[in-house]
Amino acid sequence: MFAAIWIILLSFYWLSSCAIDRDDPLLVDLPNGKLRGRDNIFYYSYESLPYAEPPIGELRFEAPQPYKQKWTDTFNATQPPVTCMQWNQFIFGDNKLAGDEDCLTVSVYKPKNGSRSSFPVVAHMHGGAFMFGEARQNGHENMMREGNLILVKIGYRLGPLGFASTGDANLPGNFGLKDQRLALLWIKQNIASFGGEPENILVIGHSAGGASVHLQTLREDFSKVARAAISIAGNAVDPWVIQRSARERAFELGRIVGCGQASDSVTLKKCLKSKSASEIVSAVRSFLVFSYVPFTPFGPVVEPPDAPEAFITQHPIDIIKSGKFAQVPWAVSYNTEDGCYNAAVLLEKQASNGRELMVDLNDRWFDWAPYLLFYRDSMSTIKEMDDYSRELRQEYMGDRRFSAESYWDLQRLFTDVLFKNGTKLSLDLYRKHGKSPVYAFVYDNPANTGVGQFLAKRTDVHFGTCHGDEYFLIFENLARGPKMRSDEEIISRNFLNMLNAFVLSDNGTMTYGNCVFQDNIGGIQPQLLSITRDGCENLQLQL
């Protein structure tokens, strides 16, 4: 399908050259018709533009179909993007249901800069563990004030609606990834209509958004839609990305919503299509062991070779080893305490006894660790799983008990297993099998407040440089508060300049401030740039 879409998109490309009304920059011409955006003082916005037919009814659990409708009236592009239906971890209370099923849109943000006639483009994929999140959760005003880049935010299906899979051709999964892919094709074809440069597109994401970006680059034809990519605090080889027991989970989903003991995927899919979206998404609560653990009960899968319009049919590690992926400059990163995202919730004090949840780990470690650290489905036997749980606890905790005093050791374990080790592995694979530049950085500069405090519901704990602390300096987020320190303002500007220079570089060079990233292709030891409040320096990453 994607090859056919590409031909169709190219056939419309000529329309882009004169799509902006010079007398009224809020009015834009697309193949679907005219649209009108909003003037936001120092930037223009064009929001909630559909790139796919609504994935409802018979199009639920199917690959997205390109949006074909024609607008007879001027399309109102001033409405904020709709949240895709989800079970959102960041909603307090028992009912975490939010959003709508009809949500496949992109939103374009263009700075006012009279010195430029066109702009490089940043395509943004939000995070949220493939389960929740939305295009508007991260802001765009920092980027718009710099005035050098057009930003496009992508909405895509999440949770069971985006990733339920029976592992066969009838319900192959990865619908959310296919949404992202179609959105990138839409951007490639249409962004010139907004003053964007279709030859200069950078794709960026954080956490599950970063893993999504990496997965997109593992398709060889990604180089036709983007010039470079950045995966921040998430990549395709992290252990929480590729799901291994998706088939069992899909049939359990059917049982929960009233499909009975469906014996085959055709029957299951037909039944699931007959249920309400809210029933399906609310069933997520039944897959959580406690709190929001595991944080990714539904996510990307390896599809069977006979799946129609398959996104990937090999594990990411095998794809990289084959060398059959897009040869575009790519950067990957982690934070020194990224594991706070998964660990901080264990510091929340229980209403029943005022005790931190992590104290219960002393008795429940062998039950909970495989879910917390995503090896429940990768071990052959319970003994193998228990042995690994025991090894991890001994390595990071020794004979110490789980408590608030030993929290940092637990957080370090989570950082290594869920984020740092995957970064090291991806760099090692690329230096052996890649051809285009591959870069890495580690960020170490704690925000005053962030995700850790939010999830732990506490302000008396220092979490270090937590998940999102660097990303929210590019795309502002309420989790860290509206104001930046003076050092963060400098770092934010350096990051934004880094994006602009990276997408425009003729040879894929990447810089931050006065530091030049070291390319890892063919290197003996992985290299990464350490970014702190005091500056930056290149370091070797020990394997």
Protein backbone atom coordinates (compact mmCIF):
# COMPACT_ATOMS: atom_id res chain seq x y z
CA MET A 1 0.00 0.00 0.00
CA PHE A 2 2.74 2.44 0.94
CA ALA A 3 4.30 2.30 -2.55
CA ALA A 4 0.93 3.10 -4.10
CA ILE A 5 0.38 5.95 -1.65
CA TRP A 6 3.80 7.33 -2.55
CA ILE A 7 2.86 7.49 -6.25
CA ILE A 8 -0.44 9.19 -5.45
CA LEU A 9 1.25 11.74 -3.23
CA LEU A 10 3.85 12.62 -5.84
CA SER A 11 1.12 13.15 -8.40
CA PHE A 12 -0.27 15.94 -6.22
CA TYR A 13 3.07 17.50 -5.40
CA TRP A 14 2.82 20.25 -8.01
CA LEU A 15 -0.11 21.76 -6.12
CA SER A 16 2.20 22.79 -3.29
CA SER A 17 4.18 25.41 -5.15
CA CYS A 18 1.52 28.10 -4.93
CA ALA A 19 -0.69 26.84 -2.09
CA ILE A 20 -0.19 29.80 0.27
CA ASP A 21 -2.31 32.88 -0.26
CA ARG A 22 0.28 35.65 0.10
CA ASP A 23 -2.42 38.17 1.05
CA ASP A 24 -3.88 35.84 3.69
CA PRO A 25 -1.29 33.42 5.17
CA LEU A 26 -4.00 31.74 7.23
CA LEU A 27 -5.60 30.44 4.04
CA VAL A 28 -3.94 27.33 2.58
CA ASP A 29 -4.82 25.23 -0.46
CA LEU A 30 -4.55 21.43 -0.23
CA PRO A 31 -5.71 18.74 -2.66
CA ASN A 32 -8.76 18.31 -0.39
CA GLY A 33 -9.67 22.01 -0.59
CA LYS A 34 -9.01 25.23 1.29
CA LEU A 35 -8.33 25.47 5.01
CA ARG A 36 -8.03 28.39 7.38
CA GLY A 37 -5.71 28.46 10.39
CA ARG A 38 -5.15 30.76 13.35
CA ASP A 39 -2.85 33.73 13.98
CA ASN A 40 -1.13 33.26 17.38
CA ILE A 41 0.81 36.55 17.49
CA PHE A 42 4.26 35.10 16.72
CA TYR A 43 3.26 31.97 14.82
CA TYR A 44 0.48 30.47 12.72
CA SER A 45 -1.27 27.20 13.53
CA TYR A 46 -3.25 24.83 11.34
CA GLU A 47 -4.65 22.14 13.57
CA SER A 48 -6.60 18.88 13.36
CA LEU A 49 -5.98 18.23 9.67
CA PRO A 50 -7.12 14.67 8.80
CA TYR A 51 -4.53 12.49 7.09
CA ALA A 52 -6.54 9.25 7.20
CA GLU A 53 -10.13 8.14 7.03
CA PRO A 54 -11.64 7.75 10.52
CA PRO A 55 -10.50 4.33 11.87
CA ILE A 56 -14.00 3.41 13.04
CA GLY A 57 -16.55 0.78 12.10
CA GLU A 58 -15.10 -1.61 9.54
CA LEU A 59 -11.83 0.38 9.50
CA ARG A 60 -11.14 -0.42 13.16
CA PHE A 61 -8.18 -2.83 13.49
CA GLU A 62 -7.22 -2.15 9.86
CA ALA A 63 -4.31 -0.31 8.29
CA PRO A 64 -5.16 3.38 7.87
CA GLN A 65 -6.68 4.55 4.62
CA PRO A 66 -5.56 7.89 3.11
CA TYR A 67 -8.01 10.73 3.65
CA LYS A 68 -9.87 11.30 0.38
CA GLN A 69 -12.71 13.64 1.26
CA LYS A 70 -13.04 16.98 -0.55
CA TRP A 71 -14.00 20.14 1.32
CA THR A 72 -16.68 22.24 -0.34
CA ASP A 73 -16.39 24.85 2.42
CA THR A 74 -13.16 26.18 3.90
CA PHE A 75 -11.92 23.68 6.48
CA ASN A 76 -11.72 25.12 10.01
CA ALA A 77 -8.15 24.41 11.13
CA THR A 78 -8.42 26.27 14.43
CA GLN A 79 -9.66 23.37 16.58
CA PRO A 80 -7.10 21.66 18.86
CA PRO A 81 -6.25 18.06 17.96
CA VAL A 82 -8.46 15.33 19.37
CA THR A 83 -6.95 12.91 21.88
CA CYS A 84 -6.89 9.33 20.60
CA MET A 85 -8.91 7.08 22.89
CA GLN A 86 -6.73 5.75 25.71
CA TRP A 87 -6.43 4.54 29.29
CA ASN A 88 -4.24 7.38 30.55
CA GLN A 89 -1.80 6.76 33.40
CA PHE A 90 -1.65 10.47 34.18
CA ILE A 91 -5.35 10.76 35.03
CA PHE A 92 -5.82 10.31 38.77
CA GLY A 93 -8.66 8.12 39.96
CA ASP A 94 -10.08 4.78 38.87
CA ASN A 95 -11.52 5.94 35.55
CA LYS A 96 -8.61 6.80 33.26
CA LEU A 97 -10.57 6.69 30.00
CA ALA A 98 -10.05 9.66 27.70
CA GLY A 99 -10.27 10.63 24.05
CA ASP A 100 -12.09 9.61 20.87
CA GLU A 101 -11.60 6.85 18.35
CA ASP A 102 -11.71 9.25 15.38
CA CYS A 103 -8.39 11.03 15.94
CA LEU A 104 -6.02 10.58 13.00
CA THR A 105 -4.89 14.14 12.36
CA VAL A 106 -1.77 16.24 12.07
CA SER A 107 -1.31 19.82 13.30
CA VAL A 108 1.08 22.30 11.68
CA TYR A 109 2.79 25.19 13.49
CA LYS A 110 4.68 27.81 11.51
CA PRO A 111 6.74 30.66 12.99
CA LYS A 112 6.47 34.20 11.71
CA ASN A 113 9.90 34.96 10.31
CA GLY A 114 10.08 37.54 7.55
CA SER A 115 13.67 36.64 6.71
CA ARG A 116 12.69 33.16 5.48
CA SER A 117 10.52 32.10 2.57
CA SER A 118 10.58 28.43 3.60
CA PHE A 119 11.41 26.38 6.69
CA PRO A 120 12.91 22.98 7.56
CA VAL A 121 10.37 20.68 9.19
CA VAL A 122 10.24 18.76 12.46
CA ALA A 123 7.71 15.90 12.52
CA HIS A 124 6.87 15.04 16.13
CA MET A 125 5.68 11.72 17.60
CA HIS A 126 4.46 11.96 21.18
CA GLY A 127 5.33 9.45 23.87
CA GLY A 128 3.13 7.59 26.31
CA ALA A 129 4.20 3.93 26.34
CA PHE A 130 2.15 3.29 23.15
CA MET A 131 -0.83 3.39 25.53
CA PHE A 132 -1.61 7.07 26.11
CA GLY A 133 -0.45 10.59 25.31
CA GLU A 134 -1.52 13.05 22.65
CA ALA A 135 -0.22 15.46 20.05
CA ARG A 136 -0.94 18.50 22.21
CA GLN A 137 0.63 17.21 25.46
CA ASN A 138 3.96 18.83 24.55
CA GLY A 139 4.02 22.50 23.64
CA HIS A 140 5.48 24.28 20.64
CA GLU A 141 6.02 27.87 21.77
CA ASN A 142 9.75 27.43 22.49
CA MET A 143 10.29 26.27 18.93
CA MET A 144 8.05 28.95 17.45
CA ARG A 145 9.90 31.73 19.31
CA GLU A 146 13.19 30.60 17.78
CA GLY A 147 11.51 31.08 14.41
CA ASN A 148 13.52 28.58 12.35
CA LEU A 149 11.43 25.41 12.07
CA ILE A 150 7.95 24.32 11.09
CA LEU A 151 6.57 21.74 13.53
CA VAL A 152 4.05 19.03 12.67
CA LYS A 153 2.48 16.99 15.48
CA ILE A 154 1.15 13.55 14.68
CA GLY A 155 -1.78 11.76 16.31
CA TYR A 156 -1.88 7.95 16.10
CA ARG A 157 -3.90 5.05 17.53
CA LEU A 158 -2.90 3.79 20.96
CA GLY A 159 -3.36 0.86 23.32
CA PRO A 160 -5.52 -2.04 22.11
CA LEU A 161 -7.06 0.05 19.30
CA GLY A 162 -3.60 0.75 17.94
CA PHE A 163 -1.70 -2.41 18.78
CA ALA A 164 -3.94 -5.43 19.51
CA SER A 165 -2.53 -8.37 17.56
CA THR A 166 -3.24 -12.08 17.20
CA GLY A 167 0.09 -12.57 15.46
CA ASP A 168 -1.44 -13.63 12.14
CA ALA A 169 -2.60 -11.97 8.93
CA ASN A 170 -6.15 -11.45 10.20
CA LEU A 171 -5.22 -9.14 13.08
CA PRO A 172 -1.51 -8.37 12.59
CA GLY A 173 -1.29 -5.27 14.81
CA ASN A 174 0.99 -2.22 14.55
CA PHE A 175 -1.90 -0.02 13.42
CA GLY A 176 -0.47 2.90 15.38
CA LEU A 177 2.87 2.57 13.58
CA LYS A 178 1.08 2.42 10.25
CA ASP A 179 -0.80 5.59 11.21
CA GLN A 180 2.52 7.32 11.87
CA ARG A 181 3.86 6.18 8.52
CA LEU A 182 0.84 7.52 6.63
CA ALA A 183 1.12 10.81 8.52
CA LEU A 184 4.78 11.13 7.45
CA LEU A 185 3.75 10.57 3.85
CA TRP A 186 1.08 13.27 4.26
CA ILE A 187 3.71 15.68 5.59
CA LYS A 188 6.07 14.91 2.71
CA GLN A 189 3.39 15.68 0.16
CA ASN A 190 1.66 18.63 1.79
CA ILE A 191 4.15 20.55 3.92
CA ALA A 192 5.32 22.79 1.07
CA SER A 193 1.78 24.21 1.07
CA PHE A 194 2.56 25.68 4.48
CA GLY A 195 6.03 26.94 3.58
CA GLY A 196 7.85 23.81 4.70
CA GLU A 197 10.76 22.18 2.89
CA PRO A 198 9.79 18.60 2.02
CA GLU A 199 13.44 17.73 1.35
CA ASN A 200 14.41 18.79 4.90
CA ILE A 201 12.27 16.79 7.32
CA LEU A 202 13.54 15.64 10.73
CA VAL A 203 11.45 13.10 12.68
CA ILE A 204 11.74 13.25 16.47
CA GLY A 205 10.07 11.54 19.42
CA HIS A 206 10.49 10.88 23.13
CA SER A 207 10.06 7.60 25.05
CA ALA A 208 7.54 5.52 23.06
CA GLY A 209 7.69 8.35 20.52
CA GLY A 210 11.46 7.82 20.33
CA ALA A 211 10.98 4.08 19.89
CA SER A 212 8.39 4.85 17.20
CA VAL A 213 10.87 7.04 15.35
CA HIS A 214 13.46 4.27 15.48
CA LEU A 215 10.94 1.72 14.23
CA GLN A 216 10.07 4.02 11.33
CA THR A 217 13.75 4.23 10.33
CA LEU A 218 13.91 0.43 10.20
CA ARG A 219 11.85 0.57 7.02
CA GLU A 220 14.20 1.03 4.07
CA ASP A 221 11.85 3.53 2.40
CA PHE A 222 11.95 5.90 5.39
CA SER A 223 14.66 7.82 3.52
CA LYS A 224 11.97 8.85 1.01
CA VAL A 225 9.99 10.72 3.67
CA ALA A 226 12.62 12.17 6.00
CA ARG A 227 16.23 13.28 6.03
CA ALA A 228 17.17 12.50 9.64
CA ALA A 229 15.73 11.15 12.90
CA ILE A 230 16.20 11.51 16.66
CA SER A 231 15.01 9.04 19.30
CA ILE A 232 15.12 10.53 22.79
CA ALA A 233 14.90 8.16 25.78
CA GLY A 234 13.44 5.30 23.78
CA ASN A 235 14.49 3.07 20.90
CA ALA A 236 13.30 -0.09 19.19
CA VAL A 237 15.55 -2.53 21.09
CA ASP A 238 14.45 -1.41 24.56
CA PRO A 239 12.81 -4.42 26.28
CA TRP A 240 9.40 -2.74 26.65
CA VAL A 241 8.93 -2.06 22.92
CA ILE A 242 8.34 -5.35 21.06
CA GLN A 243 5.57 -7.46 22.59
CA ARG A 244 6.02 -11.23 22.70
CA SER A 245 2.66 -12.52 24.00
CA ALA A 246 0.37 -10.31 21.97
CA ARG A 247 -1.80 -13.19 20.71
CA GLU A 248 -2.72 -14.37 24.18
CA ARG A 249 -3.39 -10.79 25.22
CA ALA A 250 -5.68 -10.18 22.22
CA PHE A 251 -7.84 -13.20 22.99
CA GLU A 252 -7.95 -12.22 26.65
CA LEU A 253 -9.11 -8.77 25.53
CA GLY A 254 -11.94 -10.45 23.64
CA ARG A 255 -12.94 -12.48 26.68
CA ILE A 256 -13.01 -9.37 28.89
CA VAL A 257 -15.30 -7.39 26.56
CA GLY A 258 -17.73 -10.27 26.06
CA CYS A 259 -16.51 -12.10 22.96
CA GLY A 260 -16.45 -15.40 24.85
CA GLN A 261 -13.83 -18.01 24.08
CA ALA A 262 -13.29 -17.00 20.46
CA SER A 263 -11.31 -19.79 18.85
CA ASP A 264 -9.87 -17.97 15.85
CA SER A 265 -8.71 -14.47 15.01
CA VAL A 266 -11.39 -13.85 12.35
CA THR A 267 -14.16 -14.43 14.88
CA LEU A 268 -12.34 -12.39 17.50
CA LYS A 269 -11.78 -9.44 15.17
CA LYS A 270 -15.42 -9.43 14.06
CA CYS A 271 -16.58 -9.42 17.66
CA LEU A 272 -14.15 -6.67 18.69
CA LYS A 273 -15.40 -4.50 15.84
CA SER A 274 -18.92 -4.83 17.22
CA LYS A 275 -17.94 -3.53 20.68
CA SER A 276 -17.70 0.11 21.67
CA ALA A 277 -14.25 1.68 21.64
CA SER A 278 -14.66 2.65 25.29
CA GLU A 279 -15.30 -0.99 26.27
CA ILE A 280 -12.16 -2.12 24.49
CA VAL A 281 -9.92 0.60 25.92
CA SER A 282 -11.34 0.34 29.43
CA ALA A 283 -10.35 -3.34 29.41
CA VAL A 284 -6.73 -2.17 29.77
CA ARG A 285 -7.25 -2.05 33.54
CA SER A 286 -7.54 -5.85 33.56
CA PHE A 287 -4.00 -6.20 32.19
CA LEU A 288 -2.39 -4.14 34.94
CA VAL A 289 -0.85 -6.04 37.84
CA PHE A 290 -0.91 -2.96 40.08
CA SER A 291 -0.92 0.79 39.49
CA TYR A 292 0.01 1.16 35.76
CA VAL A 293 2.31 -1.88 35.66
CA PRO A 294 3.26 -3.06 33.11
CA PHE A 295 3.18 0.34 31.43
CA THR A 296 2.94 -1.20 27.94
CA PRO A 297 0.44 -4.08 27.90
CA PHE A 298 -0.23 -3.38 24.20
CA GLY A 299 2.54 -2.27 21.85
CA PRO A 300 4.45 -3.04 18.64
CA VAL A 301 4.85 -6.60 17.41
CA VAL A 302 6.75 -8.50 14.76
CA GLU A 303 4.13 -9.24 12.10
CA PRO A 304 3.98 -12.50 10.12
CA PRO A 305 5.42 -12.35 6.60
CA ASP A 306 1.99 -12.93 5.04
CA ALA A 307 0.36 -10.02 6.89
CA PRO A 308 -1.11 -7.50 4.43
CA GLU A 309 0.67 -4.14 4.54
CA ALA A 310 3.01 -5.40 7.28
CA PHE A 311 5.09 -2.76 9.03
CA ILE A 312 7.93 -5.01 10.27
CA THR A 313 8.27 -8.78 9.88
CA GLN A 314 11.54 -9.20 11.80
CA HIS A 315 12.68 -8.20 15.25
CA PRO A 316 14.47 -4.82 15.21
CA ILE A 317 17.77 -6.47 16.21
CA ASP A 318 17.56 -8.77 13.18
CA ILE A 319 16.62 -5.89 10.88
CA ILE A 320 19.67 -3.91 11.99
CA LYS A 321 21.93 -6.94 11.57
CA SER A 322 20.61 -7.43 8.04
CA GLY A 323 21.55 -3.87 7.08
CA LYS A 324 18.16 -3.50 5.38
CA PHE A 325 16.98 -0.30 6.99
CA ALA A 326 16.95 3.37 6.03
CA GLN A 327 20.43 4.84 5.82
CA VAL A 328 19.70 8.25 7.31
CA PRO A 329 21.50 10.07 10.14
CA TRP A 330 20.02 8.96 13.46
CA ALA A 331 20.58 10.01 17.07
CA VAL A 332 19.59 8.16 20.24
CA SER A 333 19.77 9.20 23.90
CA TYR A 334 18.94 8.49 27.52
CA ASN A 335 18.88 10.45 30.78
CA THR A 336 21.03 9.52 33.76
CA GLU A 337 17.91 8.69 35.81
CA ASP A 338 15.39 7.78 33.09
CA GLY A 339 14.26 4.86 35.25
CA CYS A 340 12.46 7.27 37.55
CA TYR A 341 9.43 6.99 35.24
CA ASN A 342 8.89 3.37 36.17
CA ALA A 343 10.33 3.52 39.69
CA ALA A 344 8.81 6.74 41.07
CA VAL A 345 5.34 5.25 41.35
CA LEU A 346 6.78 2.85 43.95
CA LEU A 347 7.46 5.81 46.24
CA GLU A 348 3.81 6.77 46.42
CA LYS A 349 2.55 6.32 49.97
CA GLN A 350 -0.39 3.95 50.28
CA ALA A 351 -3.56 5.39 51.74
CA SER A 352 -4.14 2.29 53.84
CA ASN A 353 -0.91 2.38 55.86
CA GLY A 354 1.11 5.43 54.78
CA ARG A 355 3.91 3.15 53.59
CA GLU A 356 5.73 3.40 50.28
CA LEU A 357 4.59 0.84 47.73
CA MET A 358 8.18 -0.27 47.15
CA VAL A 359 8.31 -1.77 50.64
CA ASP A 360 5.97 -4.45 49.29
CA LEU A 361 8.70 -5.38 46.79
CA ASN A 362 10.48 -7.18 49.62
CA ASP A 363 7.76 -9.85 49.52
CA ARG A 364 6.62 -9.46 45.90
CA TRP A 365 9.88 -9.00 43.97
CA PHE A 366 9.70 -12.32 42.12
CA ASP A 367 6.04 -11.65 41.21
CA TRP A 368 6.38 -8.02 40.19
CA ALA A 369 9.89 -7.65 38.75
CA PRO A 370 9.13 -9.49 35.46
CA TYR A 371 6.28 -7.04 34.81
CA LEU A 372 8.17 -3.96 35.96
CA LEU A 373 11.19 -4.80 33.81
CA PHE A 374 9.51 -6.54 30.85
CA TYR A 375 10.97 -10.02 30.84
CA ARG A 376 7.79 -11.86 31.84
CA ASP A 377 7.23 -13.09 28.30
CA SER A 378 10.85 -13.57 27.22
CA MET A 379 11.81 -16.37 29.63
CA SER A 380 11.19 -20.06 28.87
CA THR A 381 10.56 -21.23 32.44
CA ILE A 382 9.60 -19.82 35.82
CA LYS A 383 12.98 -20.94 37.16
CA GLU A 384 14.79 -18.97 34.46
CA MET A 385 12.69 -15.93 35.29
CA ASP A 386 13.27 -16.29 39.04
CA ASP A 387 17.01 -16.74 38.53
CA TYR A 388 17.19 -13.54 36.52
CA SER A 389 15.10 -11.68 39.12
CA ARG A 390 17.47 -12.89 41.82
CA GLU A 391 20.56 -11.84 39.83
CA LEU A 392 19.20 -8.34 39.24
CA ARG A 393 18.32 -7.84 42.88
CA GLN A 394 21.72 -9.05 44.03
CA GLU A 395 23.60 -6.89 41.50
CA TYR A 396 21.84 -3.64 42.35
CA MET A 397 20.63 -4.13 45.91
CA GLY A 398 22.99 -6.66 47.44
CA ASP A 399 21.54 -7.64 50.82
CA ARG A 400 19.69 -4.34 51.26
CA ARG A 401 15.92 -4.27 51.59
CA PHE A 402 13.67 -2.21 49.35
CA SER A 403 12.84 1.05 51.10
CA ALA A 404 12.83 4.79 50.54
CA GLU A 405 16.49 4.81 51.62
CA SER A 406 17.47 2.32 48.90
CA TYR A 407 15.28 3.91 46.23
CA TRP A 408 18.18 5.24 44.14
CA ASP A 409 19.61 1.76 43.68
CA LEU A 410 16.25 0.54 42.41
CA GLN A 411 15.95 3.55 40.12
CA ARG A 412 19.42 2.84 38.71
CA LEU A 413 18.33 -0.74 37.98
CA PHE A 414 15.29 0.55 36.08
CA THR A 415 17.38 3.10 34.17
CA ASP A 416 19.86 0.46 33.04
CA VAL A 417 17.40 -2.28 32.10
CA LEU A 418 14.74 -0.13 30.47
CA PHE A 419 16.75 2.65 28.81
CA LYS A 420 20.55 2.70 29.08
CA ASN A 421 21.21 -0.91 28.05
CA GLY A 422 19.03 -0.51 24.96
CA THR A 423 20.97 2.60 23.95
CA LYS A 424 24.25 0.73 24.32
CA LEU A 425 22.93 -2.25 22.36
CA SER A 426 21.60 -0.12 19.50
CA LEU A 427 24.91 1.76 19.20
CA ASP A 428 26.84 -1.50 19.18
CA LEU A 429 24.61 -2.90 16.43
CA TYR A 430 24.81 0.23 14.29
CA ARG A 431 28.58 0.61 14.55
CA LYS A 432 28.84 -2.91 13.10
CA HIS A 433 26.02 -2.87 10.55
CA GLY A 434 25.14 0.77 9.78
CA LYS A 435 26.41 3.10 7.07
CA SER A 436 24.91 6.53 7.82
CA PRO A 437 25.99 8.58 10.86
CA VAL A 438 24.67 7.43 14.24
CA TYR A 439 25.01 9.64 17.32
CA ALA A 440 24.18 9.41 21.01
CA PHE A 441 23.92 11.69 24.00
CA VAL A 442 23.23 11.40 27.71
CA TYR A 443 21.57 14.26 29.59
CA ASP A 444 22.42 14.98 33.22
CA ASN A 445 20.78 18.13 34.58
CA PRO A 446 17.80 17.61 36.92
CA ALA A 447 14.72 19.78 36.52
CA ASN A 448 13.26 21.33 39.66
CA THR A 449 10.07 19.32 39.15
CA GLY A 450 9.09 16.66 36.66
CA VAL A 451 7.56 13.25 36.04
CA GLY A 452 9.06 11.71 39.19
CA GLN A 453 7.31 14.09 41.56
CA PHE A 454 4.06 13.76 39.61
CA LEU A 455 3.97 9.96 39.75
CA ALA A 456 5.21 9.63 43.32
CA LYS A 457 2.80 12.39 44.42
CA ARG A 458 5.68 13.74 46.49
CA THR A 459 7.91 16.82 46.42
CA ASP A 460 10.30 15.73 49.17
CA VAL A 461 12.30 13.35 46.97
CA HIS A 462 15.21 14.15 44.64
CA PHE A 463 14.90 11.99 41.51
CA GLY A 464 17.90 13.22 39.54
CA THR A 465 17.61 13.79 35.80
CA CYS A 466 14.29 12.10 35.22
CA HIS A 467 12.43 10.91 32.14
CA GLY A 468 11.54 13.94 30.03
CA ASP A 469 13.74 16.53 31.76
CA GLU A 470 15.61 17.26 28.52
CA TYR A 471 12.70 16.79 26.14
CA PHE A 472 10.49 19.27 27.96
CA LEU A 473 13.11 21.94 27.28
CA ILE A 474 12.31 21.51 23.59
CA PHE A 475 8.59 20.76 23.83
CA GLU A 476 7.29 22.32 27.04
CA ASN A 477 5.13 20.15 29.30
CA LEU A 478 3.06 20.87 32.39
CA ALA A 479 4.76 18.00 34.25
CA ARG A 480 7.87 20.14 34.72
CA GLY A 481 6.25 23.52 35.28
CA PRO A 482 6.16 26.55 32.97
CA LYS A 483 9.42 28.28 33.92
CA MET A 484 12.97 27.37 33.02
CA ARG A 485 16.10 28.20 35.00
CA SER A 486 18.73 30.33 33.27
CA ASP A 487 20.89 27.25 32.57
CA GLU A 488 17.87 25.46 31.11
CA GLU A 489 17.12 28.41 28.83
CA ILE A 490 20.62 28.07 27.36
CA ILE A 491 20.23 24.30 26.98
CA SER A 492 16.80 24.71 25.38
CA ARG A 493 18.23 27.10 22.80
CA ASN A 494 21.15 24.76 22.13
CA PHE A 495 18.75 21.85 21.58
CA LEU A 496 16.62 23.85 19.15
CA ASN A 497 19.70 25.00 17.25
CA MET A 498 20.85 21.37 17.21
CA LEU A 499 17.63 20.29 15.49
CA ASN A 500 17.85 23.05 12.91
CA ALA A 501 21.49 22.35 12.04
CA PHE A 502 20.99 18.57 11.98
CA VAL A 503 18.16 18.61 9.46
CA LEU A 504 20.05 21.03 7.20
CA SER A 505 23.46 19.36 7.38
CA ASP A 506 24.68 18.14 3.98
CA ASN A 507 26.76 15.35 5.49
CA GLY A 508 24.65 14.50 8.55
CA THR A 509 26.90 16.26 11.05
CA MET A 510 25.33 16.89 14.45
CA THR A 511 26.36 19.62 16.89
CA TYR A 512 25.26 20.89 20.28
CA GLY A 513 26.62 24.26 21.33
CA ASN A 514 30.37 24.11 20.69
CA CYS A 515 30.45 20.31 20.75
CA VAL A 516 30.46 18.08 17.68
CA PHE A 517 28.88 14.64 18.08
CA GLN A 518 31.10 11.66 17.29
CA ASP A 519 29.82 9.26 14.64
CA ASN A 520 29.58 5.68 15.91
CA ILE A 521 29.65 3.90 12.56
CA GLY A 522 32.67 1.63 12.38
CA GLY A 523 33.98 2.74 15.76
CA ILE A 524 35.69 0.46 18.23
CA GLN A 525 33.87 1.80 21.29
CA PRO A 526 30.49 3.61 21.33
CA GLN A 527 30.76 7.39 21.74
CA LEU A 528 28.18 9.71 23.24
CA LEU A 529 27.94 13.37 24.11
CA SER A 530 27.41 14.16 27.78
CA ILE A 531 25.22 17.26 28.22
CA THR A 532 25.09 18.98 31.61
CA ARG A 533 24.33 22.46 32.93
CA ASP A 534 28.03 23.27 32.60
CA GLY A 535 28.36 22.33 28.93
CA CYS A 536 29.11 19.21 26.93
CA GLU A 537 31.89 16.71 26.27
CA ASN A 538 32.36 13.52 24.29
CA LEU A 539 32.72 10.31 26.30
CA GLN A 540 33.23 6.64 25.60
CA LEU A 541 30.33 4.37 26.56
CA GLN A 542 31.51 1.12 28.07
CA LEU A 543 29.81 -1.98 26.66
